[in-house]
Amino acid sequence: MTSNKFIDNEAMITEVVKEAMSRTGNPRLKEIMALLVEHAHAFVREANLTDEEFDAGVRFIQGIGQVTTDTHNEVVLASDALGISTLIAYRNHPQDKGQSASALLGPFWRLHAPDCENGDNIARSNTPGVAMYVDGVVRDTGGRPIPGACVDVWQASPVGLYESQDPEQESMNLRGKFRTDSQGRYRFRTVRPAGYPVPVHGPVGQLLKAQNRHPFRPAHIHFMVSAPACKTLVTQVFADDSEHLASDVVFGVTRALIGHFERHESRSPAHPDAPIPFFTLQHDFVLEQGVSSFPEPPIK
């Protein structure tokens, strides 16, 4: 059995710490923590951190925890604003089999969104805005439709607020879960979302200000698409005419995620009762075979 050693010089510290963790029973945890220590210690050495800078870093991490609540997740927001969430999505969800592009979950997904019938309107409370109709097909990588797939959607309002942020919206407004029909189709009505600034009242906002970065996200709709024996897809579809597509504060926009939010100035056979003007979005999803699993919700 190994034992901790006295530290006689700065060069010893990293190896002594790794040796102290060497009895970790879980091999993957052991590997991850050893790499974390190596890279964290290398960062300290390369940046040559001062005591004051270390204290500031500790206060930043402490502040992230203090600001996080049941309705606001500063930890996820920090991961997003540092590009870590998008990097994880890219690395763990490639498109090598023709599957749809993944995207970061973001800090606003909630469990238990209402179950809806295809065609239902997810704008439940008084939500002024331009009507939008969304539809598409869920398929597997072989091109076959997937009936009964769950399409979980959530979005910001036309003033750029999720219902968890806005006392004017009722709980679960602009959220819903739809099941695809026998041809793998889903459809719903909503209002066109707006781009919005991420919350800046906490440490992440202070960091953005110090870096001279804007806090804005382009307009988008979130989707989580799942089906038995398929890998759960977490993604977003962005408005092709939205501001900040090339400068999303959380680095979430990739070309594959940009959809066509088409504006209509007259009614069509597909939407004979639509208020004028209205928008449509047609977007299909391709799921790959795998294990259906779900992330931890960032807020309640």
Protein backbone atom coordinates (compact mmCIF):
# COMPACT_ATOMS: atom_id res chain seq x y z
CA MET A 1 0.00 0.00 0.00
CA THR A 2 1.34 3.40 -0.93
CA SER A 3 1.60 6.24 1.55
CA ASN A 4 1.88 9.98 1.23
CA LYS A 5 5.35 11.49 1.20
CA PHE A 6 6.80 14.61 2.70
CA ILE A 7 7.11 17.28 0.04
CA ASP A 8 10.63 18.67 -0.14
CA ASN A 9 10.33 20.80 -3.28
CA GLU A 10 7.80 22.22 -5.76
CA ALA A 11 8.64 19.64 -8.43
CA MET A 12 7.44 16.78 -6.21
CA ILE A 13 3.92 18.06 -5.61
CA THR A 14 2.15 16.68 -8.68
CA GLU A 15 3.50 13.15 -8.35
CA VAL A 16 2.84 13.05 -4.59
CA VAL A 17 -0.80 14.06 -5.18
CA LYS A 18 -1.24 11.45 -7.94
CA GLU A 19 0.30 8.77 -5.72
CA ALA A 20 -2.11 9.65 -2.92
CA MET A 21 -5.02 9.02 -5.33
CA SER A 22 -3.54 5.81 -6.79
CA ARG A 23 -5.70 3.51 -4.63
CA THR A 24 -8.92 4.75 -6.32
CA GLY A 25 -11.03 1.67 -6.98
CA ASN A 26 -12.85 2.95 -10.07
CA PRO A 27 -10.35 2.81 -12.97
CA ARG A 28 -12.04 5.57 -14.97
CA LEU A 29 -12.27 7.90 -11.97
CA LYS A 30 -8.60 7.19 -11.25
CA GLU A 31 -7.66 8.09 -14.84
CA ILE A 32 -9.76 11.25 -14.93
CA MET A 33 -8.50 12.57 -11.61
CA ALA A 34 -4.86 11.88 -12.50
CA LEU A 35 -5.27 13.81 -15.74
CA LEU A 36 -7.10 16.63 -13.95
CA VAL A 37 -4.26 16.99 -11.46
CA GLU A 38 -1.61 16.88 -14.20
CA HIS A 39 -3.32 19.53 -16.32
CA ALA A 40 -4.36 21.74 -13.41
CA HIS A 41 -0.85 21.75 -11.96
CA ALA A 42 0.61 22.39 -15.42
CA PHE A 43 -1.77 25.34 -15.81
CA VAL A 44 -0.66 26.81 -12.48
CA ARG A 45 2.96 26.50 -13.52
CA GLU A 46 2.48 27.84 -17.07
CA ALA A 47 0.30 30.78 -15.95
CA ASN A 48 2.61 31.38 -12.98
CA LEU A 49 -0.42 32.23 -10.83
CA THR A 50 0.06 34.73 -8.04
CA ASP A 51 -1.64 34.42 -4.65
CA GLU A 52 -4.03 37.21 -5.62
CA GLU A 53 -4.95 35.52 -8.92
CA PHE A 54 -5.52 32.20 -7.17
CA ASP A 55 -7.79 33.92 -4.64
CA ALA A 56 -9.74 35.53 -7.48
CA GLY A 57 -10.18 32.15 -9.14
CA VAL A 58 -11.41 30.61 -5.91
CA ARG A 59 -13.93 33.46 -5.48
CA PHE A 60 -15.12 32.91 -9.08
CA ILE A 61 -15.80 29.21 -8.44
CA GLN A 62 -17.36 29.98 -5.07
CA GLY A 63 -19.61 32.58 -6.68
CA ILE A 64 -20.79 30.10 -9.31
CA GLY A 65 -22.05 27.84 -6.55
CA GLN A 66 -23.62 30.64 -4.55
CA VAL A 67 -25.60 32.00 -7.52
CA THR A 68 -26.90 28.58 -8.62
CA THR A 69 -30.49 27.92 -7.53
CA ASP A 70 -33.41 25.67 -8.48
CA THR A 71 -34.27 28.08 -11.31
CA HIS A 72 -30.80 29.26 -12.39
CA ASN A 73 -27.73 27.09 -13.08
CA GLU A 74 -24.58 29.21 -13.16
CA VAL A 75 -22.39 26.07 -13.35
CA VAL A 76 -23.89 25.04 -16.69
CA LEU A 77 -23.77 28.65 -17.89
CA ALA A 78 -20.05 28.83 -17.08
CA SER A 79 -19.39 25.57 -18.93
CA ASP A 80 -21.30 26.96 -21.91
CA ALA A 81 -19.58 30.37 -21.91
CA LEU A 82 -16.14 28.72 -21.81
CA GLY A 83 -16.93 26.51 -24.81
CA ILE A 84 -16.65 23.31 -22.79
CA SER A 85 -20.25 22.21 -23.35
CA THR A 86 -19.96 22.49 -27.14
CA LEU A 87 -16.62 20.66 -27.10
CA ILE A 88 -18.22 17.79 -25.15
CA ALA A 89 -21.14 17.67 -27.61
CA TYR A 90 -18.80 17.60 -30.61
CA ARG A 91 -16.57 14.86 -29.21
CA ASN A 92 -19.30 12.56 -27.91
CA HIS A 93 -21.81 12.94 -30.75
CA PRO A 94 -20.14 12.76 -34.17
CA GLN A 95 -22.13 12.78 -37.41
CA ASP A 96 -20.18 9.95 -39.03
CA LYS A 97 -23.29 7.77 -39.54
CA GLY A 98 -25.52 10.54 -40.86
CA GLN A 99 -27.06 11.27 -37.47
CA SER A 100 -28.24 14.77 -36.64
CA ALA A 101 -25.83 17.26 -35.14
CA SER A 102 -25.86 17.53 -31.37
CA ALA A 103 -25.70 20.75 -29.35
CA LEU A 104 -25.24 21.82 -25.75
CA LEU A 105 -28.17 21.26 -23.40
CA GLY A 106 -28.09 24.77 -21.97
CA PRO A 107 -29.24 25.82 -18.50
CA PHE A 108 -33.03 25.88 -19.06
CA TRP A 109 -34.22 22.31 -19.74
CA ARG A 110 -36.78 21.00 -17.24
CA LEU A 111 -38.22 17.56 -16.57
CA HIS A 112 -41.93 16.82 -16.91
CA ALA A 113 -42.83 19.11 -19.78
CA PRO A 114 -46.51 18.60 -20.68
CA ASP A 115 -47.40 15.71 -22.99
CA CYS A 116 -48.98 17.17 -26.14
CA GLU A 117 -50.85 15.97 -29.19
CA ASN A 118 -49.31 16.63 -32.59
CA GLY A 119 -50.37 20.08 -33.73
CA ASP A 120 -50.85 21.49 -30.22
CA ASN A 121 -49.78 25.02 -29.38
CA ILE A 122 -47.05 25.25 -26.69
CA ALA A 123 -47.72 28.99 -26.17
CA ARG A 124 -50.16 28.42 -23.32
CA SER A 125 -50.15 31.70 -21.42
CA ASN A 126 -50.62 35.12 -22.97
CA THR A 127 -47.51 35.14 -25.16
CA PRO A 128 -47.75 37.86 -27.81
CA GLY A 129 -45.65 37.14 -30.86
CA VAL A 130 -45.67 35.97 -34.46
CA ALA A 131 -47.13 32.48 -34.86
CA MET A 132 -44.76 29.72 -35.92
CA TYR A 133 -45.50 26.19 -37.15
CA VAL A 134 -42.83 23.50 -36.76
CA ASP A 135 -42.88 20.02 -38.27
CA GLY A 136 -40.56 17.26 -39.39
CA VAL A 137 -39.77 13.57 -39.42
CA VAL A 138 -37.65 11.47 -37.07
CA ARG A 139 -35.70 8.71 -38.82
CA ASP A 140 -32.93 6.24 -38.04
CA THR A 141 -29.59 6.24 -39.86
CA GLY A 142 -31.03 3.79 -42.39
CA GLY A 143 -33.67 6.34 -43.42
CA ARG A 144 -36.55 4.51 -41.75
CA PRO A 145 -39.17 6.61 -39.89
CA ILE A 146 -39.32 6.08 -36.12
CA PRO A 147 -42.90 6.01 -34.84
CA GLY A 148 -43.46 6.86 -31.20
CA ALA A 149 -40.27 8.87 -30.80
CA CYS A 150 -40.45 11.58 -28.13
CA VAL A 151 -39.72 15.13 -29.30
CA ASP A 152 -39.21 17.33 -26.23
CA VAL A 153 -39.10 21.05 -27.11
CA TRP A 154 -38.44 24.24 -25.15
CA GLN A 155 -37.70 27.81 -26.15
CA ALA A 156 -37.50 31.44 -25.07
CA SER A 157 -40.42 33.79 -25.63
CA PRO A 158 -40.55 36.62 -28.22
CA VAL A 159 -39.06 38.89 -25.54
CA GLY A 160 -36.15 36.52 -24.96
CA LEU A 161 -37.16 34.93 -21.63
CA TYR A 162 -37.77 31.32 -20.63
CA GLU A 163 -40.79 30.81 -18.42
CA SER A 164 -38.54 30.00 -15.44
CA GLN A 165 -37.20 33.57 -15.73
CA ASP A 166 -40.48 35.38 -16.37
CA PRO A 167 -43.31 35.79 -13.85
CA GLU A 168 -45.61 36.84 -16.70
CA GLN A 169 -45.50 33.31 -18.16
CA GLU A 170 -47.24 30.36 -16.56
CA SER A 171 -45.21 27.32 -15.56
CA MET A 172 -44.14 25.16 -18.53
CA ASN A 173 -45.11 27.78 -21.10
CA LEU A 174 -43.30 27.21 -24.42
CA ARG A 175 -42.42 23.64 -23.47
CA GLY A 176 -43.93 20.35 -24.60
CA LYS A 177 -43.35 16.70 -25.47
CA PHE A 178 -44.70 15.26 -28.72
CA ARG A 179 -44.82 11.69 -30.02
CA THR A 180 -44.18 10.96 -33.67
CA ASP A 181 -46.96 9.28 -35.65
CA SER A 182 -46.76 6.05 -37.64
CA GLN A 183 -44.72 7.85 -40.34
CA GLY A 184 -42.31 9.34 -37.79
CA ARG A 185 -43.81 12.83 -38.11
CA TYR A 186 -44.15 15.47 -35.42
CA ARG A 187 -45.68 18.95 -35.57
CA PHE A 188 -46.55 21.76 -33.22
CA ARG A 189 -47.45 25.43 -33.09
CA THR A 190 -45.59 28.07 -31.12
CA VAL A 191 -44.49 31.71 -31.40
CA ARG A 192 -41.23 32.68 -33.01
CA PRO A 193 -38.53 32.90 -30.31
CA ALA A 194 -36.21 35.86 -29.92
CA GLY A 195 -32.49 35.92 -29.34
CA TYR A 196 -31.58 36.90 -25.83
CA PRO A 197 -28.75 37.74 -23.43
CA VAL A 198 -27.68 35.00 -21.04
CA PRO A 199 -28.05 35.93 -17.36
CA VAL A 200 -25.26 38.31 -16.34
CA HIS A 201 -26.02 38.85 -12.65
CA GLY A 202 -23.40 36.34 -11.51
CA PRO A 203 -19.69 35.53 -11.98
CA VAL A 204 -20.16 34.57 -15.63
CA GLY A 205 -21.55 38.02 -16.39
CA GLN A 206 -18.58 39.61 -14.63
CA LEU A 207 -16.21 37.47 -16.69
CA LEU A 208 -17.92 38.40 -19.97
CA LYS A 209 -17.65 42.08 -19.07
CA ALA A 210 -13.96 41.73 -18.24
CA GLN A 211 -13.39 40.00 -21.59
CA ASN A 212 -15.36 42.64 -23.54
CA ARG A 213 -17.75 39.96 -24.81
CA HIS A 214 -21.44 40.47 -25.53
CA PRO A 215 -23.90 38.15 -23.70
CA PHE A 216 -26.23 37.34 -26.60
CA ARG A 217 -27.52 34.10 -28.09
CA PRO A 218 -29.21 33.96 -31.51
CA ALA A 219 -32.86 32.90 -31.72
CA HIS A 220 -33.33 29.12 -31.49
CA ILE A 221 -35.56 26.25 -30.41
CA HIS A 222 -34.25 23.41 -28.24
CA PHE A 223 -35.04 19.77 -29.03
CA MET A 224 -34.39 16.55 -27.17
CA VAL A 225 -35.35 13.59 -29.37
CA SER A 226 -35.44 10.07 -27.96
CA ALA A 227 -36.64 6.59 -28.86
CA PRO A 228 -36.02 3.07 -27.54
CA ALA A 229 -32.68 1.56 -28.66
CA CYS A 230 -31.56 4.96 -29.97
CA LYS A 231 -29.04 7.43 -28.60
CA THR A 232 -30.86 10.47 -27.22
CA LEU A 233 -30.29 13.56 -29.37
CA VAL A 234 -29.93 16.91 -27.60
CA THR A 235 -29.83 19.72 -30.13
CA GLN A 236 -30.94 23.21 -31.12
CA VAL A 237 -32.19 24.74 -34.36
CA PHE A 238 -31.20 28.36 -34.99
CA ALA A 239 -33.01 30.97 -37.05
CA ASP A 240 -31.06 31.61 -40.24
CA ASP A 241 -31.81 35.36 -40.10
CA SER A 242 -30.91 35.83 -36.43
CA GLU A 243 -28.28 38.18 -35.08
CA HIS A 244 -25.16 36.75 -33.41
CA LEU A 245 -25.12 33.48 -35.39
CA ALA A 246 -21.36 33.83 -35.81
CA SER A 247 -20.76 35.13 -32.28
CA ASP A 248 -23.01 33.09 -30.00
CA VAL A 249 -21.84 33.80 -26.45
CA VAL A 250 -21.87 30.07 -25.63
CA PHE A 251 -20.37 28.93 -28.96
CA GLY A 252 -23.40 26.74 -29.66
CA VAL A 253 -23.98 27.49 -33.36
CA THR A 254 -22.64 25.13 -36.00
CA ARG A 255 -23.64 25.21 -39.67
CA ALA A 256 -25.60 21.97 -39.34
CA LEU A 257 -27.81 23.53 -36.66
CA ILE A 258 -29.04 26.51 -38.70
CA GLY A 259 -32.62 26.07 -39.86
CA HIS A 260 -34.77 28.09 -42.24
CA PHE A 261 -37.35 30.16 -40.36
CA GLU A 262 -39.54 30.97 -43.37
CA ARG A 263 -41.82 34.02 -43.19
CA HIS A 264 -45.24 33.85 -44.88
CA GLU A 265 -47.35 36.87 -45.80
CA SER A 266 -50.40 34.88 -46.94
CA ARG A 267 -52.17 31.71 -45.83
CA SER A 268 -51.33 28.34 -47.35
CA PRO A 269 -53.26 25.06 -47.69
CA ALA A 270 -51.09 23.59 -44.94
CA HIS A 271 -51.99 26.42 -42.55
CA PRO A 272 -55.37 27.82 -43.66
CA ASP A 273 -56.16 29.39 -40.29
CA ALA A 274 -52.75 30.90 -39.60
CA PRO A 275 -52.62 34.55 -38.51
CA ILE A 276 -50.76 36.74 -40.97
CA PRO A 277 -47.80 36.94 -41.00
CA PHE A 278 -46.51 33.61 -39.68
CA PHE A 279 -43.34 31.52 -39.80
CA THR A 280 -42.69 27.87 -40.55
CA LEU A 281 -39.76 25.61 -39.74
CA GLN A 282 -39.41 22.18 -41.31
CA HIS A 283 -36.68 20.15 -39.64
CA ASP A 284 -35.99 16.40 -39.66
CA PHE A 285 -33.93 14.47 -37.13
CA VAL A 286 -31.83 11.33 -37.55
CA LEU A 287 -31.15 9.15 -34.52
CA GLU A 288 -28.37 6.61 -34.29
CA GLN A 289 -28.70 3.22 -32.67
CA GLY A 290 -27.60 3.12 -29.06
CA VAL A 291 -28.69 3.45 -25.45
CA SER A 292 -31.47 5.88 -24.63
CA SER A 293 -30.35 8.01 -21.67
CA PHE A 294 -31.11 11.47 -20.36
CA PRO A 295 -29.08 14.27 -18.77
CA GLU A 296 -29.57 15.62 -15.29
CA PRO A 297 -31.94 18.62 -15.55
CA PRO A 298 -30.06 21.85 -14.82
CA ILE A 299 -33.12 23.45 -13.16
CA LYS A 300 -36.26 22.16 -11.48
